[in-house]
C-alpha atoms as a PDB file:
ATOM      1  CA  MET A   1       0.000   0.000   0.000  1.00  0.00           C
ATOM      2  CA  LYS A   2       1.447   3.349  -1.031  1.00  0.00           C
ATOM      3  CA  MET A   3       0.855   6.695   0.638  1.00  0.00           C
ATOM      4  CA  PRO A   4      -1.523   8.496  -1.715  1.00  0.00           C
ATOM      5  CA  ASP A   5      -1.003  12.032  -2.930  1.00  0.00           C
ATOM      6  CA  LEU A   6      -3.447  13.963  -0.768  1.00  0.00           C
ATOM      7  CA  ALA A   7      -3.418  16.972  -3.126  1.00  0.00           C
ATOM      8  CA  THR A   8      -1.911  19.246  -0.503  1.00  0.00           C
ATOM      9  CA  ASN A   9       1.093  21.489  -0.936  1.00  0.00           C
ATOM     10  CA  ASP A  10       2.729  20.000   2.156  1.00  0.00           C
ATOM     11  CA  THR A  11       5.984  18.173   1.582  1.00  0.00           C
ATOM     12  CA  THR A  12       5.545  15.740   4.464  1.00  0.00           C
ATOM     13  CA  ILE A  13       2.670  13.827   5.958  1.00  0.00           C
ATOM     14  CA  LYS A  14       2.776  12.676   9.597  1.00  0.00           C
ATOM     15  CA  LEU A  15       1.290   9.362  10.736  1.00  0.00           C
ATOM     16  CA  VAL A  16      -1.196   9.967  13.545  1.00  0.00           C
ATOM     17  CA  GLU A  17      -2.650   6.496  14.102  1.00  0.00           C
ATOM     18  CA  TRP A  18      -3.048   3.078  12.499  1.00  0.00           C
ATOM     19  CA  ARG A  19      -6.762   2.163  12.556  1.00  0.00           C
ATOM     20  CA  VAL A  20      -6.056  -1.422  11.415  1.00  0.00           C
ATOM     21  CA  GLN A  21      -3.465  -3.747  12.928  1.00  0.00           C
ATOM     22  CA  PRO A  22      -1.460  -6.508  11.219  1.00  0.00           C
ATOM     23  CA  GLY A  23      -3.597  -9.617  10.781  1.00  0.00           C
ATOM     24  CA  GLN A  24      -6.840  -7.691  10.297  1.00  0.00           C
ATOM     25  CA  ALA A  25      -8.825  -7.900   7.066  1.00  0.00           C
ATOM     26  CA  VAL A  26      -9.509  -4.774   5.001  1.00  0.00           C
ATOM     27  CA  LYS A  27     -11.635  -3.948   1.985  1.00  0.00           C
ATOM     28  CA  PRO A  28     -11.877  -0.882  -0.261  1.00  0.00           C
ATOM     29  CA  GLY A  29     -13.202   2.068   1.722  1.00  0.00           C
ATOM     30  CA  ASP A  30     -12.003   0.821   5.130  1.00  0.00           C
ATOM     31  CA  VAL A  31      -9.987   3.472   6.976  1.00  0.00           C
ATOM     32  CA  VAL A  32      -6.495   2.058   7.467  1.00  0.00           C
ATOM     33  CA  LEU A  33      -4.699   5.025   9.020  1.00  0.00           C
ATOM     34  CA  GLU A  34      -5.030   8.655   9.987  1.00  0.00           C
ATOM     35  CA  VAL A  35      -2.456  11.217   8.852  1.00  0.00           C
ATOM     36  CA  GLU A  36      -1.805  14.891   9.457  1.00  0.00           C
ATOM     37  CA  THR A  37      -0.489  17.667   7.237  1.00  0.00           C
ATOM     38  CA  ASP A  38       0.089  21.304   8.126  1.00  0.00           C
ATOM     39  CA  LYS A  39      -3.496  22.034   7.144  1.00  0.00           C
ATOM     40  CA  ALA A  40      -5.653  19.061   8.148  1.00  0.00           C
ATOM     41  CA  THR A  41      -6.018  15.574   9.583  1.00  0.00           C
ATOM     42  CA  MET A  42      -7.166  13.011   7.007  1.00  0.00           C
ATOM     43  CA  GLU A  43      -8.107   9.351   6.805  1.00  0.00           C
ATOM     44  CA  VAL A  44      -6.426   7.016   4.306  1.00  0.00           C
ATOM     45  CA  GLU A  45      -8.576   4.158   3.011  1.00  0.00           C
ATOM     46  CA  ALA A  46      -7.728   0.721   1.668  1.00  0.00           C
ATOM     47  CA  THR A  47      -8.048   0.332  -2.086  1.00  0.00           C
ATOM     48  CA  VAL A  48      -7.922  -3.485  -2.175  1.00  0.00           C
ATOM     49  CA  THR A  49      -9.414  -6.444  -0.300  1.00  0.00           C
ATOM     50  CA  GLY A  50      -6.923  -8.417   1.764  1.00  0.00           C
ATOM     51  CA  VAL A  51      -5.163  -8.797   5.096  1.00  0.00           C
ATOM     52  CA  LEU A  52      -2.796  -6.181   6.512  1.00  0.00           C
ATOM     53  CA  ARG A  53       0.486  -8.051   6.986  1.00  0.00           C
ATOM     54  CA  GLU A  54       2.988  -5.319   7.823  1.00  0.00           C
ATOM     55  CA  THR A  55       3.148  -1.626   8.662  1.00  0.00           C
ATOM     56  CA  ARG A  56       6.293   0.258   7.697  1.00  0.00           C
ATOM     57  CA  PHE A  57       5.843   3.493   9.637  1.00  0.00           C
ATOM     58  CA  ALA A  58       5.093   4.222  13.294  1.00  0.00           C
ATOM     59  CA  ARG A  59       3.069   6.945  15.004  1.00  0.00           C
ATOM     60  CA  GLY A  60       4.770  10.304  14.522  1.00  0.00           C
ATOM     61  CA  ASP A  61       6.820   9.213  11.493  1.00  0.00           C
ATOM     62  CA  GLU A  62       6.847  11.476   8.449  1.00  0.00           C
ATOM     63  CA  MET A  63       5.964  10.061   5.028  1.00  0.00           C
ATOM     64  CA  LEU A  64       5.891  11.273   1.448  1.00  0.00           C
ATOM     65  CA  PRO A  65       3.344  10.537  -1.276  1.00  0.00           C
ATOM     66  CA  GLY A  66       4.349   7.280  -2.963  1.00  0.00           C
ATOM     67  CA  ASP A  67       6.101   5.803   0.092  1.00  0.00           C
ATOM     68  CA  ILE A  68       5.241   2.155   0.724  1.00  0.00           C
ATOM     69  CA  ILE A  69       3.494   2.384   4.087  1.00  0.00           C
ATOM     70  CA  ALA A  70       2.065  -1.123   4.507  1.00  0.00           C
ATOM     71  CA  ILE A  71       1.862  -4.575   2.979  1.00  0.00           C
ATOM     72  CA  ILE A  72      -1.635  -5.908   2.272  1.00  0.00           C
ATOM     73  CA  GLU A  73      -1.832  -9.547   1.196  1.00  0.00           C
ATOM     74  CA  THR A  74      -4.553 -10.057  -1.382  1.00  0.00           C
ATOM     75  CA  ALA A  75      -6.233 -13.359  -2.219  1.00  0.00           C
END
């Protein structure tokens, strides 16, 4: 799962909270994590059906659009 481009002018995006933990199933539209930019707090949704296997960033870490933030195993 890649960090989407949130169409903000901010260069970095900070991870606020994972809403799904490794081992949990997700489907398109499920909120996977919450992020913060200089202007707003936003939710990032899954785009595929599968199981979250790994998270690659922790609370407070900064990310960029396109960074691989998690591994979702699809069927």
